[in-house]
Amino acid sequence: MILRTKTVATTLALSLAACATIPDAHPLAGSEWRLVAIDTSGSTTTLTPALQARHTLAFSDGGEAAVQLDCNRGRTTWTAGQPVNGAAAISFGPVASTKMLCPQPSFGDQLAAGLGEAQRYTTTLDRRQLVIETPTLRFTFAPANE
């Protein structure tokens, strides 16, 4: 009788677990972006295609991100809210990276520092643009595969 009660209880628990919803993965998870522009107060720096390929950001499931910082590679952690009308809060942990001296112009140091100050992100509905905002900068990204 005890075995039958345990079997029924286990079956019931598994049935209830099957009804539970698993939250969707974050929309940024699994995406990879290339930096196309940096906006500061009053000016915009547009990166050439060669520089764009050397400044990338890849979001992984589980809150990890890989960053190409020109000739250096880095890793960081990230958390972000679910977007409402394409926008939400975002934050990154400190970027751990290699420290090679990259040829100029290079925006790797600026990107690494800026990610640490990130407060908000926006994406377009067609996911053709990601903007990460800090108190003083706006980093504009395009999908890496385009």
C-alpha atoms as a PDB file:
ATOM      1  CA  MET A   1       0.000   0.000   0.000  1.00  0.00           C
ATOM      2  CA  ILE A   2       2.854   2.400   0.829  1.00  0.00           C
ATOM      3  CA  LEU A   3       4.530   1.649  -2.519  1.00  0.00           C
ATOM      4  CA  ARG A   4       1.281   2.373  -4.382  1.00  0.00           C
ATOM      5  CA  THR A   5       0.863   5.689  -2.501  1.00  0.00           C
ATOM      6  CA  LYS A   6       4.432   6.686  -3.401  1.00  0.00           C
ATOM      7  CA  THR A   7       3.839   5.746  -7.039  1.00  0.00           C
ATOM      8  CA  VAL A   8       0.645   7.811  -7.201  1.00  0.00           C
ATOM      9  CA  ALA A   9       2.385  10.752  -5.503  1.00  0.00           C
ATOM     10  CA  THR A  10       5.319  10.580  -7.916  1.00  0.00           C
ATOM     11  CA  THR A  11       3.009  10.384 -10.934  1.00  0.00           C
ATOM     12  CA  LEU A  12       1.002  13.332  -9.660  1.00  0.00           C
ATOM     13  CA  ALA A  13       4.168  15.405  -9.072  1.00  0.00           C
ATOM     14  CA  LEU A  14       5.455  14.643 -12.579  1.00  0.00           C
ATOM     15  CA  SER A  15       2.095  15.527 -14.091  1.00  0.00           C
ATOM     16  CA  LEU A  16       2.053  18.871 -12.294  1.00  0.00           C
ATOM     17  CA  ALA A  17       5.639  19.577 -13.359  1.00  0.00           C
ATOM     18  CA  ALA A  18       4.674  18.950 -16.979  1.00  0.00           C
ATOM     19  CA  CYS A  19       2.002  21.644 -16.699  1.00  0.00           C
ATOM     20  CA  ALA A  20       4.460  24.243 -15.412  1.00  0.00           C
ATOM     21  CA  THR A  21       5.572  26.743 -17.996  1.00  0.00           C
ATOM     22  CA  ILE A  22       9.230  27.232 -18.742  1.00  0.00           C
ATOM     23  CA  PRO A  23      10.058  30.894 -19.332  1.00  0.00           C
ATOM     24  CA  ASP A  24      11.255  31.751 -22.805  1.00  0.00           C
ATOM     25  CA  ALA A  25      14.927  32.441 -23.297  1.00  0.00           C
ATOM     26  CA  HIS A  26      15.873  36.093 -23.373  1.00  0.00           C
ATOM     27  CA  PRO A  27      15.639  37.592 -26.884  1.00  0.00           C
ATOM     28  CA  LEU A  28      19.321  38.621 -26.776  1.00  0.00           C
ATOM     29  CA  ALA A  29      20.545  35.123 -25.863  1.00  0.00           C
ATOM     30  CA  GLY A  30      22.241  33.469 -28.806  1.00  0.00           C
ATOM     31  CA  SER A  31      22.615  36.707 -30.775  1.00  0.00           C
ATOM     32  CA  GLU A  32      25.852  38.220 -32.060  1.00  0.00           C
ATOM     33  CA  TRP A  33      26.355  41.862 -32.957  1.00  0.00           C
ATOM     34  CA  ARG A  34      29.014  44.083 -34.562  1.00  0.00           C
ATOM     35  CA  LEU A  35      29.583  47.657 -33.403  1.00  0.00           C
ATOM     36  CA  VAL A  36      28.693  50.124 -36.171  1.00  0.00           C
ATOM     37  CA  ALA A  37      28.634  53.502 -34.377  1.00  0.00           C
ATOM     38  CA  ILE A  38      29.386  55.255 -31.105  1.00  0.00           C
ATOM     39  CA  ASP A  39      27.430  58.380 -30.172  1.00  0.00           C
ATOM     40  CA  THR A  40      28.806  60.824 -27.641  1.00  0.00           C
ATOM     41  CA  SER A  41      27.269  64.129 -26.708  1.00  0.00           C
ATOM     42  CA  GLY A  42      27.004  65.885 -30.041  1.00  0.00           C
ATOM     43  CA  SER A  43      29.071  63.603 -32.279  1.00  0.00           C
ATOM     44  CA  THR A  44      28.854  60.190 -33.902  1.00  0.00           C
ATOM     45  CA  THR A  45      31.764  57.953 -34.858  1.00  0.00           C
ATOM     46  CA  THR A  46      30.828  55.476 -37.581  1.00  0.00           C
ATOM     47  CA  LEU A  47      33.075  52.431 -37.815  1.00  0.00           C
ATOM     48  CA  THR A  48      34.322  51.151 -41.161  1.00  0.00           C
ATOM     49  CA  PRO A  49      33.362  47.554 -42.071  1.00  0.00           C
ATOM     50  CA  ALA A  50      36.883  46.408 -41.130  1.00  0.00           C
ATOM     51  CA  LEU A  51      36.603  48.010 -37.681  1.00  0.00           C
ATOM     52  CA  GLN A  52      33.074  46.648 -37.221  1.00  0.00           C
ATOM     53  CA  ALA A  53      34.358  43.093 -37.656  1.00  0.00           C
ATOM     54  CA  ARG A  54      36.927  43.720 -34.891  1.00  0.00           C
ATOM     55  CA  HIS A  55      34.378  45.025 -32.348  1.00  0.00           C
ATOM     56  CA  THR A  56      31.658  42.460 -31.625  1.00  0.00           C
ATOM     57  CA  LEU A  57      29.386  41.332 -28.805  1.00  0.00           C
ATOM     58  CA  ALA A  58      27.905  37.817 -28.544  1.00  0.00           C
ATOM     59  CA  PHE A  59      25.244  36.979 -25.937  1.00  0.00           C
ATOM     60  CA  SER A  60      25.038  33.405 -24.646  1.00  0.00           C
ATOM     61  CA  ASP A  61      22.345  31.640 -22.661  1.00  0.00           C
ATOM     62  CA  GLY A  62      23.137  31.610 -18.981  1.00  0.00           C
ATOM     63  CA  GLY A  63      24.194  35.249 -18.788  1.00  0.00           C
ATOM     64  CA  GLU A  64      27.640  35.087 -20.378  1.00  0.00           C
ATOM     65  CA  ALA A  65      28.898  37.251 -23.230  1.00  0.00           C
ATOM     66  CA  ALA A  66      31.956  37.175 -25.460  1.00  0.00           C
ATOM     67  CA  VAL A  67      33.401  40.462 -26.660  1.00  0.00           C
ATOM     68  CA  GLN A  68      35.848  41.116 -29.483  1.00  0.00           C
ATOM     69  CA  LEU A  69      37.631  44.317 -28.458  1.00  0.00           C
ATOM     70  CA  ASP A  70      39.608  45.002 -31.629  1.00  0.00           C
ATOM     71  CA  CYS A  71      42.737  42.803 -31.287  1.00  0.00           C
ATOM     72  CA  ASN A  72      41.716  41.660 -27.786  1.00  0.00           C
ATOM     73  CA  ARG A  73      39.130  39.129 -26.692  1.00  0.00           C
ATOM     74  CA  GLY A  74      37.035  39.411 -23.588  1.00  0.00           C
ATOM     75  CA  ARG A  75      34.319  37.790 -21.526  1.00  0.00           C
ATOM     76  CA  THR A  76      31.712  39.239 -19.232  1.00  0.00           C
ATOM     77  CA  THR A  77      28.362  38.483 -17.666  1.00  0.00           C
ATOM     78  CA  TRP A  78      25.073  40.169 -18.545  1.00  0.00           C
ATOM     79  CA  THR A  79      21.558  40.499 -17.238  1.00  0.00           C
ATOM     80  CA  ALA A  80      18.683  42.228 -18.967  1.00  0.00           C
ATOM     81  CA  GLY A  81      14.987  42.730 -18.521  1.00  0.00           C
ATOM     82  CA  GLN A  82      12.425  41.460 -20.986  1.00  0.00           C
ATOM     83  CA  PRO A  83      11.902  44.229 -23.537  1.00  0.00           C
ATOM     84  CA  VAL A  84       8.742  46.326 -23.547  1.00  0.00           C
ATOM     85  CA  ASN A  85       8.308  48.138 -26.857  1.00  0.00           C
ATOM     86  CA  GLY A  86      11.856  47.049 -27.732  1.00  0.00           C
ATOM     87  CA  ALA A  87      13.547  48.529 -24.640  1.00  0.00           C
ATOM     88  CA  ALA A  88      14.667  47.282 -21.227  1.00  0.00           C
ATOM     89  CA  ALA A  89      17.336  47.622 -18.580  1.00  0.00           C
ATOM     90  CA  ILE A  90      20.671  45.872 -19.122  1.00  0.00           C
ATOM     91  CA  SER A  91      23.855  45.504 -17.118  1.00  0.00           C
ATOM     92  CA  PHE A  92      27.214  43.849 -17.663  1.00  0.00           C
ATOM     93  CA  GLY A  93      29.807  42.650 -15.205  1.00  0.00           C
ATOM     94  CA  PRO A  94      33.450  43.657 -15.487  1.00  0.00           C
ATOM     95  CA  VAL A  95      35.030  42.669 -18.807  1.00  0.00           C
ATOM     96  CA  ALA A  96      38.003  40.331 -18.447  1.00  0.00           C
ATOM     97  CA  SER A  97      40.157  40.582 -21.553  1.00  0.00           C
ATOM     98  CA  THR A  98      43.561  40.199 -23.076  1.00  0.00           C
ATOM     99  CA  LYS A  99      45.599  43.424 -23.012  1.00  0.00           C
ATOM    100  CA  MET A 100      47.421  43.616 -26.341  1.00  0.00           C
ATOM    101  CA  LEU A 101      48.169  47.047 -27.807  1.00  0.00           C
ATOM    102  CA  CYS A 102      45.869  47.351 -30.838  1.00  0.00           C
ATOM    103  CA  PRO A 103      46.603  49.523 -33.879  1.00  0.00           C
ATOM    104  CA  GLN A 104      44.735  52.829 -34.015  1.00  0.00           C
ATOM    105  CA  PRO A 105      41.953  53.630 -34.475  1.00  0.00           C
ATOM    106  CA  SER A 106      40.681  51.193 -31.883  1.00  0.00           C
ATOM    107  CA  PHE A 107      37.477  51.328 -29.869  1.00  0.00           C
ATOM    108  CA  GLY A 108      38.027  48.188 -27.769  1.00  0.00           C
ATOM    109  CA  ASP A 109      38.880  49.984 -24.534  1.00  0.00           C
ATOM    110  CA  GLN A 110      35.936  52.352 -24.980  1.00  0.00           C
ATOM    111  CA  LEU A 111      33.561  49.440 -25.611  1.00  0.00           C
ATOM    112  CA  ALA A 112      34.820  47.447 -22.604  1.00  0.00           C
ATOM    113  CA  ALA A 113      34.480  50.451 -20.287  1.00  0.00           C
ATOM    114  CA  GLY A 114      31.097  51.395 -21.738  1.00  0.00           C
ATOM    115  CA  LEU A 115      29.607  47.948 -21.204  1.00  0.00           C
ATOM    116  CA  GLY A 116      30.393  48.292 -17.505  1.00  0.00           C
ATOM    117  CA  GLU A 117      28.272  51.461 -17.421  1.00  0.00           C
ATOM    118  CA  ALA A 118      25.389  50.166 -19.565  1.00  0.00           C
ATOM    119  CA  GLN A 119      21.916  50.943 -18.278  1.00  0.00           C
ATOM    120  CA  ARG A 120      19.456  50.338 -21.096  1.00  0.00           C
ATOM    121  CA  TYR A 121      19.140  48.632 -24.445  1.00  0.00           C
ATOM    122  CA  THR A 122      16.741  48.935 -27.344  1.00  0.00           C
ATOM    123  CA  THR A 123      16.210  46.751 -30.381  1.00  0.00           C
ATOM    124  CA  THR A 124      14.214  47.382 -33.486  1.00  0.00           C
ATOM    125  CA  LEU A 125      11.265  45.092 -34.198  1.00  0.00           C
ATOM    126  CA  ASP A 126      13.108  43.527 -37.143  1.00  0.00           C
ATOM    127  CA  ARG A 127      16.179  42.929 -34.902  1.00  0.00           C
ATOM    128  CA  ARG A 128      18.408  44.788 -37.347  1.00  0.00           C
ATOM    129  CA  GLN A 129      19.736  47.146 -34.691  1.00  0.00           C
ATOM    130  CA  LEU A 130      20.730  46.963 -31.028  1.00  0.00           C
ATOM    131  CA  VAL A 131      21.525  50.134 -29.088  1.00  0.00           C
ATOM    132  CA  ILE A 132      23.186  49.952 -25.679  1.00  0.00           C
ATOM    133  CA  GLU A 133      23.082  53.187 -23.692  1.00  0.00           C
ATOM    134  CA  THR A 134      25.303  54.416 -20.889  1.00  0.00           C
ATOM    135  CA  PRO A 135      24.965  57.787 -19.134  1.00  0.00           C
ATOM    136  CA  THR A 136      27.304  59.355 -21.724  1.00  0.00           C
ATOM    137  CA  LEU A 137      27.474  56.993 -24.744  1.00  0.00           C
ATOM    138  CA  ARG A 138      25.268  55.100 -27.168  1.00  0.00           C
ATOM    139  CA  PHE A 139      26.711  52.003 -28.831  1.00  0.00           C
ATOM    140  CA  THR A 140      24.843  51.018 -31.996  1.00  0.00           C
ATOM    141  CA  PHE A 141      25.205  47.440 -33.201  1.00  0.00           C
ATOM    142  CA  ALA A 142      24.033  45.534 -36.281  1.00  0.00           C
ATOM    143  CA  PRO A 143      23.667  41.745 -36.566  1.00  0.00           C
ATOM    144  CA  ALA A 144      27.094  40.142 -37.032  1.00  0.00           C
ATOM    145  CA  ASN A 145      25.883  37.817 -39.790  1.00  0.00           C
ATOM    146  CA  GLU A 146      24.804  40.602 -42.179  1.00  0.00           C
END
